[in-house]
Amino acid sequence: MSGGIRSQTIVVGVAAVVLALVTVAGLPAPLQTVAAMAVLILLPGWALARLTPVTDVALEVLLVVALGLAALTAVSTAMFYLALWSWQACVLAMAVITVLACLARAWTDTVRARKEAT
């Protein structure tokens, strides 16, 4: 841990940015599918689930999928109603949500570390 921020938080945020950019730039179809699924469902769900105080592994796995799908549904619906739909924009929006959730987790980790230090 550096400054109270867990390395897992940094890895999830960086992975979201890298995979989103690689997905939008283009990959062979099977790789692009895997990268898109990670950016659209798994990474945002993981980042959002880490903001909850859940300690049970099975419940956390369920939350990853549920929160990822919920965020994807909200983003897709908003883009559809605003007539801004494009799969590239959706991938980038989900990456932004992941990074914001990682920043929120980093902030709470830092605050917690400062409280423990005093």
N, C-alpha and C. Protein backbone atom coordinates (compact mmCIF):
# COMPACT_ATOMS: atom_id res chain seq x y z
N MET A 1 0.83 -1.19 0.00
CA MET A 1 0.00 0.00 0.00
C MET A 1 0.87 1.24 0.00
N SER A 2 0.57 2.18 -0.88
CA SER A 2 1.29 3.44 -0.90
C SER A 2 0.31 4.55 -0.59
N GLY A 3 0.51 5.20 0.57
CA GLY A 3 -0.38 6.28 0.95
C GLY A 3 -1.79 5.82 1.26
N GLY A 4 -1.97 4.54 1.58
CA GLY A 4 -3.27 4.01 1.92
C GLY A 4 -4.05 3.51 0.72
N ILE A 5 -3.56 3.73 -0.50
CA ILE A 5 -4.27 3.27 -1.69
C ILE A 5 -3.80 1.85 -2.02
N ARG A 6 -4.74 0.95 -2.16
CA ARG A 6 -4.40 -0.43 -2.48
C ARG A 6 -4.02 -0.57 -3.95
N SER A 7 -3.08 -1.46 -4.22
CA SER A 7 -2.63 -1.65 -5.60
C SER A 7 -3.75 -2.20 -6.48
N GLN A 8 -4.68 -2.94 -5.89
CA GLN A 8 -5.80 -3.49 -6.64
C GLN A 8 -6.65 -2.36 -7.25
N THR A 9 -6.80 -1.27 -6.53
CA THR A 9 -7.55 -0.12 -7.02
C THR A 9 -6.87 0.48 -8.24
N ILE A 10 -5.56 0.61 -8.18
CA ILE A 10 -4.81 1.17 -9.30
C ILE A 10 -4.87 0.24 -10.51
N VAL A 11 -4.75 -1.06 -10.28
CA VAL A 11 -4.78 -2.03 -11.38
C VAL A 11 -6.12 -2.01 -12.09
N VAL A 12 -7.22 -1.95 -11.34
CA VAL A 12 -8.55 -1.93 -11.96
C VAL A 12 -8.74 -0.66 -12.79
N GLY A 13 -8.34 0.48 -12.25
CA GLY A 13 -8.48 1.74 -12.99
C GLY A 13 -7.64 1.78 -14.26
N VAL A 14 -6.39 1.36 -14.15
CA VAL A 14 -5.51 1.36 -15.33
C VAL A 14 -6.00 0.34 -16.36
N ALA A 15 -6.43 -0.83 -15.90
CA ALA A 15 -6.94 -1.85 -16.82
C ALA A 15 -8.15 -1.34 -17.58
N ALA A 16 -9.03 -0.61 -16.91
CA ALA A 16 -10.21 -0.07 -17.57
C ALA A 16 -9.82 0.90 -18.68
N VAL A 17 -8.88 1.78 -18.39
CA VAL A 17 -8.45 2.76 -19.40
C VAL A 17 -7.78 2.06 -20.58
N VAL A 18 -6.85 1.16 -20.29
CA VAL A 18 -6.11 0.49 -21.36
C VAL A 18 -7.03 -0.37 -22.21
N LEU A 19 -7.87 -1.18 -21.57
CA LEU A 19 -8.78 -2.04 -22.34
C LEU A 19 -9.80 -1.25 -23.14
N ALA A 20 -10.27 -0.13 -22.59
CA ALA A 20 -11.22 0.70 -23.33
C ALA A 20 -10.57 1.27 -24.58
N LEU A 21 -9.37 1.79 -24.43
CA LEU A 21 -8.69 2.37 -25.59
C LEU A 21 -8.35 1.31 -26.63
N VAL A 22 -7.92 0.15 -26.18
CA VAL A 22 -7.59 -0.94 -27.11
C VAL A 22 -8.86 -1.44 -27.80
N THR A 23 -9.95 -1.52 -27.07
CA THR A 23 -11.21 -1.99 -27.65
C THR A 23 -11.70 -1.01 -28.72
N VAL A 24 -11.66 0.27 -28.42
CA VAL A 24 -12.12 1.28 -29.37
C VAL A 24 -11.19 1.35 -30.58
N ALA A 25 -9.89 1.18 -30.35
CA ALA A 25 -8.92 1.23 -31.45
C ALA A 25 -9.09 0.05 -32.39
N GLY A 26 -9.54 -1.06 -31.87
CA GLY A 26 -9.77 -2.23 -32.71
C GLY A 26 -8.83 -3.36 -32.39
N LEU A 27 -9.38 -4.52 -32.28
CA LEU A 27 -8.66 -5.77 -32.04
C LEU A 27 -9.28 -6.84 -32.92
N PRO A 28 -8.63 -7.97 -33.06
CA PRO A 28 -9.31 -9.09 -33.72
C PRO A 28 -10.59 -9.44 -32.95
N ALA A 29 -11.60 -9.88 -33.66
CA ALA A 29 -12.95 -10.07 -33.09
C ALA A 29 -12.98 -10.83 -31.76
N PRO A 30 -12.34 -12.00 -31.62
CA PRO A 30 -12.45 -12.70 -30.34
C PRO A 30 -11.82 -11.92 -29.18
N LEU A 31 -10.69 -11.27 -29.43
CA LEU A 31 -10.04 -10.49 -28.37
C LEU A 31 -10.84 -9.24 -28.03
N GLN A 32 -11.42 -8.63 -29.05
CA GLN A 32 -12.22 -7.43 -28.82
C GLN A 32 -13.45 -7.76 -27.98
N THR A 33 -14.03 -8.93 -28.19
CA THR A 33 -15.19 -9.35 -27.40
C THR A 33 -14.82 -9.51 -25.94
N VAL A 34 -13.71 -10.16 -25.67
CA VAL A 34 -13.27 -10.36 -24.29
C VAL A 34 -12.95 -9.03 -23.63
N ALA A 35 -12.23 -8.17 -24.33
CA ALA A 35 -11.88 -6.86 -23.78
C ALA A 35 -13.13 -6.01 -23.53
N ALA A 36 -14.07 -6.04 -24.46
CA ALA A 36 -15.30 -5.27 -24.30
C ALA A 36 -16.12 -5.76 -23.11
N MET A 37 -16.21 -7.07 -22.94
CA MET A 37 -16.96 -7.61 -21.79
C MET A 37 -16.30 -7.19 -20.47
N ALA A 38 -14.98 -7.18 -20.45
CA ALA A 38 -14.28 -6.75 -19.24
C ALA A 38 -14.57 -5.29 -18.94
N VAL A 39 -14.50 -4.44 -19.96
CA VAL A 39 -14.71 -3.00 -19.76
C VAL A 39 -16.18 -2.69 -19.49
N LEU A 40 -17.09 -3.41 -20.14
CA LEU A 40 -18.51 -3.08 -20.02
C LEU A 40 -19.17 -3.65 -18.78
N ILE A 41 -18.70 -4.78 -18.27
CA ILE A 41 -19.39 -5.42 -17.15
C ILE A 41 -18.46 -5.68 -15.95
N LEU A 42 -17.38 -6.40 -16.18
CA LEU A 42 -16.57 -6.87 -15.06
C LEU A 42 -15.84 -5.77 -14.30
N LEU A 43 -15.09 -4.94 -15.00
CA LEU A 43 -14.31 -3.91 -14.30
C LEU A 43 -15.18 -2.86 -13.61
N PRO A 44 -16.24 -2.34 -14.26
CA PRO A 44 -17.09 -1.39 -13.53
C PRO A 44 -17.78 -2.06 -12.33
N GLY A 45 -18.24 -3.28 -12.53
CA GLY A 45 -18.89 -4.00 -11.43
C GLY A 45 -17.93 -4.23 -10.28
N TRP A 46 -16.70 -4.59 -10.60
CA TRP A 46 -15.69 -4.84 -9.57
C TRP A 46 -15.37 -3.54 -8.82
N ALA A 47 -15.18 -2.45 -9.57
CA ALA A 47 -14.87 -1.17 -8.94
C ALA A 47 -16.02 -0.70 -8.05
N LEU A 48 -17.24 -0.85 -8.53
CA LEU A 48 -18.40 -0.43 -7.73
C LEU A 48 -18.63 -1.35 -6.53
N ALA A 49 -18.42 -2.64 -6.69
CA ALA A 49 -18.61 -3.58 -5.58
C ALA A 49 -17.59 -3.35 -4.48
N ARG A 50 -16.41 -2.86 -4.83
CA ARG A 50 -15.38 -2.59 -3.83
C ARG A 50 -15.73 -1.39 -2.96
N LEU A 51 -16.73 -0.61 -3.37
CA LEU A 51 -17.18 0.52 -2.56
C LEU A 51 -18.15 0.09 -1.46
N THR A 52 -18.59 -1.15 -1.50
CA THR A 52 -19.53 -1.65 -0.50
C THR A 52 -18.77 -2.39 0.60
N PRO A 53 -19.35 -2.50 1.79
CA PRO A 53 -18.67 -3.19 2.89
C PRO A 53 -18.87 -4.70 2.89
N VAL A 54 -19.11 -5.30 1.75
CA VAL A 54 -19.38 -6.74 1.66
C VAL A 54 -18.07 -7.51 1.82
N THR A 55 -18.10 -8.55 2.67
CA THR A 55 -16.91 -9.37 2.88
C THR A 55 -17.10 -10.80 2.38
N ASP A 56 -18.33 -11.20 2.12
CA ASP A 56 -18.60 -12.55 1.63
C ASP A 56 -18.23 -12.65 0.16
N VAL A 57 -17.41 -13.63 -0.19
CA VAL A 57 -16.91 -13.75 -1.57
C VAL A 57 -18.04 -14.03 -2.56
N ALA A 58 -18.94 -14.91 -2.22
CA ALA A 58 -20.04 -15.24 -3.14
C ALA A 58 -20.93 -14.02 -3.40
N LEU A 59 -21.21 -13.28 -2.36
CA LEU A 59 -22.03 -12.08 -2.52
C LEU A 59 -21.28 -11.02 -3.32
N GLU A 60 -19.97 -10.94 -3.13
CA GLU A 60 -19.19 -9.96 -3.88
C GLU A 60 -19.18 -10.30 -5.37
N VAL A 61 -19.07 -11.58 -5.71
CA VAL A 61 -19.11 -12.00 -7.12
C VAL A 61 -20.46 -11.65 -7.72
N LEU A 62 -21.52 -11.90 -6.99
CA LEU A 62 -22.86 -11.55 -7.45
C LEU A 62 -23.00 -10.04 -7.64
N LEU A 63 -22.44 -9.27 -6.71
CA LEU A 63 -22.49 -7.81 -6.83
C LEU A 63 -21.71 -7.30 -8.03
N VAL A 64 -20.57 -7.92 -8.33
CA VAL A 64 -19.78 -7.51 -9.48
C VAL A 64 -20.61 -7.59 -10.75
N VAL A 65 -21.25 -8.72 -10.95
CA VAL A 65 -22.07 -8.91 -12.16
C VAL A 65 -23.29 -7.99 -12.13
N ALA A 66 -23.99 -7.94 -11.00
CA ALA A 66 -25.21 -7.14 -10.91
C ALA A 66 -24.93 -5.65 -11.08
N LEU A 67 -23.90 -5.14 -10.41
CA LEU A 67 -23.59 -3.72 -10.52
C LEU A 67 -23.04 -3.37 -11.90
N GLY A 68 -22.27 -4.27 -12.49
CA GLY A 68 -21.78 -4.04 -13.84
C GLY A 68 -22.91 -3.96 -14.85
N LEU A 69 -23.84 -4.91 -14.77
CA LEU A 69 -24.99 -4.89 -15.68
C LEU A 69 -25.89 -3.69 -15.42
N ALA A 70 -26.06 -3.32 -14.15
CA ALA A 70 -26.91 -2.16 -13.83
C ALA A 70 -26.30 -0.87 -14.38
N ALA A 71 -25.00 -0.71 -14.22
CA ALA A 71 -24.34 0.49 -14.74
C ALA A 71 -24.41 0.52 -16.27
N LEU A 72 -24.18 -0.63 -16.89
CA LEU A 72 -24.26 -0.71 -18.35
C LEU A 72 -25.66 -0.38 -18.85
N THR A 73 -26.67 -0.88 -18.15
CA THR A 73 -28.05 -0.59 -18.53
C THR A 73 -28.36 0.90 -18.39
N ALA A 74 -27.90 1.50 -17.31
CA ALA A 74 -28.15 2.93 -17.09
C ALA A 74 -27.46 3.78 -18.17
N VAL A 75 -26.21 3.46 -18.45
CA VAL A 75 -25.47 4.22 -19.48
C VAL A 75 -26.11 4.03 -20.85
N SER A 76 -26.41 2.80 -21.20
CA SER A 76 -27.00 2.52 -22.52
C SER A 76 -28.36 3.19 -22.68
N THR A 77 -29.18 3.13 -21.65
CA THR A 77 -30.50 3.75 -21.71
C THR A 77 -30.38 5.27 -21.84
N ALA A 78 -29.49 5.87 -21.06
CA ALA A 78 -29.30 7.32 -21.15
C ALA A 78 -28.81 7.72 -22.53
N MET A 79 -27.87 6.97 -23.06
CA MET A 79 -27.35 7.29 -24.40
C MET A 79 -28.43 7.12 -25.46
N PHE A 80 -29.25 6.10 -25.32
CA PHE A 80 -30.33 5.86 -26.27
C PHE A 80 -31.33 7.01 -26.26
N TYR A 81 -31.76 7.42 -25.04
CA TYR A 81 -32.76 8.48 -24.95
C TYR A 81 -32.20 9.83 -25.36
N LEU A 82 -30.91 10.03 -25.21
CA LEU A 82 -30.28 11.28 -25.63
C LEU A 82 -29.86 11.25 -27.10
N ALA A 83 -30.15 10.13 -27.77
CA ALA A 83 -29.79 9.93 -29.18
C ALA A 83 -28.29 10.08 -29.41
N LEU A 84 -27.52 9.57 -28.47
CA LEU A 84 -26.06 9.62 -28.55
C LEU A 84 -25.44 8.24 -28.61
N TRP A 85 -26.22 7.23 -28.97
CA TRP A 85 -25.74 5.86 -28.88
C TRP A 85 -24.62 5.57 -29.86
N SER A 86 -23.54 5.04 -29.36
CA SER A 86 -22.49 4.40 -30.16
C SER A 86 -21.77 3.45 -29.21
N TRP A 87 -21.36 2.31 -29.70
CA TRP A 87 -20.73 1.35 -28.82
C TRP A 87 -19.40 1.87 -28.31
N GLN A 88 -18.70 2.70 -29.09
CA GLN A 88 -17.44 3.26 -28.64
C GLN A 88 -17.64 4.22 -27.47
N ALA A 89 -18.67 5.05 -27.57
CA ALA A 89 -18.96 5.98 -26.49
C ALA A 89 -19.39 5.23 -25.23
N CYS A 90 -20.12 4.14 -25.41
CA CYS A 90 -20.54 3.33 -24.27
C CYS A 90 -19.34 2.71 -23.57
N VAL A 91 -18.40 2.19 -24.34
CA VAL A 91 -17.17 1.62 -23.76
C VAL A 91 -16.40 2.69 -22.98
N LEU A 92 -16.26 3.86 -23.57
CA LEU A 92 -15.54 4.93 -22.90
C LEU A 92 -16.27 5.42 -21.64
N ALA A 93 -17.59 5.50 -21.70
CA ALA A 93 -18.37 5.91 -20.52
C ALA A 93 -18.22 4.91 -19.39
N MET A 94 -18.22 3.63 -19.71
CA MET A 94 -18.05 2.61 -18.67
C MET A 94 -16.65 2.65 -18.09
N ALA A 95 -15.65 2.97 -18.92
CA ALA A 95 -14.29 3.12 -18.40
C ALA A 95 -14.22 4.32 -17.45
N VAL A 96 -14.91 5.39 -17.78
CA VAL A 96 -14.94 6.57 -16.91
C VAL A 96 -15.61 6.23 -15.59
N ILE A 97 -16.70 5.49 -15.62
CA ILE A 97 -17.37 5.07 -14.39
C ILE A 97 -16.43 4.23 -13.54
N THR A 98 -15.68 3.34 -14.17
CA THR A 98 -14.74 2.50 -13.44
C THR A 98 -13.65 3.34 -12.79
N VAL A 99 -13.10 4.28 -13.53
CA VAL A 99 -12.05 5.14 -12.99
C VAL A 99 -12.58 5.99 -11.85
N LEU A 100 -13.79 6.52 -11.99
CA LEU A 100 -14.38 7.32 -10.91
C LEU A 100 -14.61 6.49 -9.65
N ALA A 101 -15.07 5.25 -9.82
CA ALA A 101 -15.26 4.36 -8.67
C ALA A 101 -13.91 4.03 -8.03
N CYS A 102 -12.88 3.87 -8.84
CA CYS A 102 -11.53 3.61 -8.30
C CYS A 102 -11.01 4.83 -7.55
N LEU A 103 -11.28 6.02 -8.07
CA LEU A 103 -10.87 7.24 -7.37
C LEU A 103 -11.60 7.38 -6.04
N ALA A 104 -12.88 7.03 -6.02
CA ALA A 104 -13.64 7.08 -4.77
C ALA A 104 -13.06 6.08 -3.76
N ARG A 105 -12.71 4.88 -4.22
CA ARG A 105 -12.12 3.88 -3.34
C ARG A 105 -10.75 4.34 -2.84
N ALA A 106 -9.95 4.93 -3.72
CA ALA A 106 -8.63 5.43 -3.32
C ALA A 106 -8.77 6.53 -2.27
N TRP A 107 -9.76 7.39 -2.46
CA TRP A 107 -9.98 8.47 -1.50
C TRP A 107 -10.38 7.90 -0.13
N THR A 108 -11.30 6.92 -0.11
CA THR A 108 -11.71 6.34 1.16
C THR A 108 -10.55 5.58 1.82
N ASP A 109 -9.72 4.90 1.02
CA ASP A 109 -8.56 4.21 1.57
C ASP A 109 -7.58 5.20 2.19
N THR A 110 -7.38 6.33 1.52
CA THR A 110 -6.46 7.35 2.02
C THR A 110 -6.99 7.96 3.31
N VAL A 111 -8.27 8.26 3.35
CA VAL A 111 -8.88 8.83 4.56
C VAL A 111 -8.77 7.83 5.71
N ARG A 112 -9.04 6.57 5.43
CA ARG A 112 -8.95 5.53 6.47
C ARG A 112 -7.51 5.40 6.99
N ALA A 113 -6.54 5.46 6.09
CA ALA A 113 -5.13 5.35 6.49
C ALA A 113 -4.71 6.55 7.35
N ARG A 114 -5.20 7.72 7.01
CA ARG A 114 -4.88 8.92 7.81
C ARG A 114 -5.49 8.83 9.20
N LYS A 115 -6.71 8.32 9.27
CA LYS A 115 -7.36 8.18 10.59
C LYS A 115 -6.61 7.18 11.46
N GLU A 116 -6.15 6.08 10.83
CA GLU A 116 -5.42 5.06 11.59
C GLU A 116 -4.06 5.57 12.03
N ALA A 117 -3.46 6.48 11.26
CA ALA A 117 -2.15 7.02 11.60
C ALA A 117 -2.21 8.00 12.78
N THR A 118 -3.38 8.59 13.01
CA THR A 118 -3.48 9.56 14.10
C THR A 118 -3.93 8.93 15.38
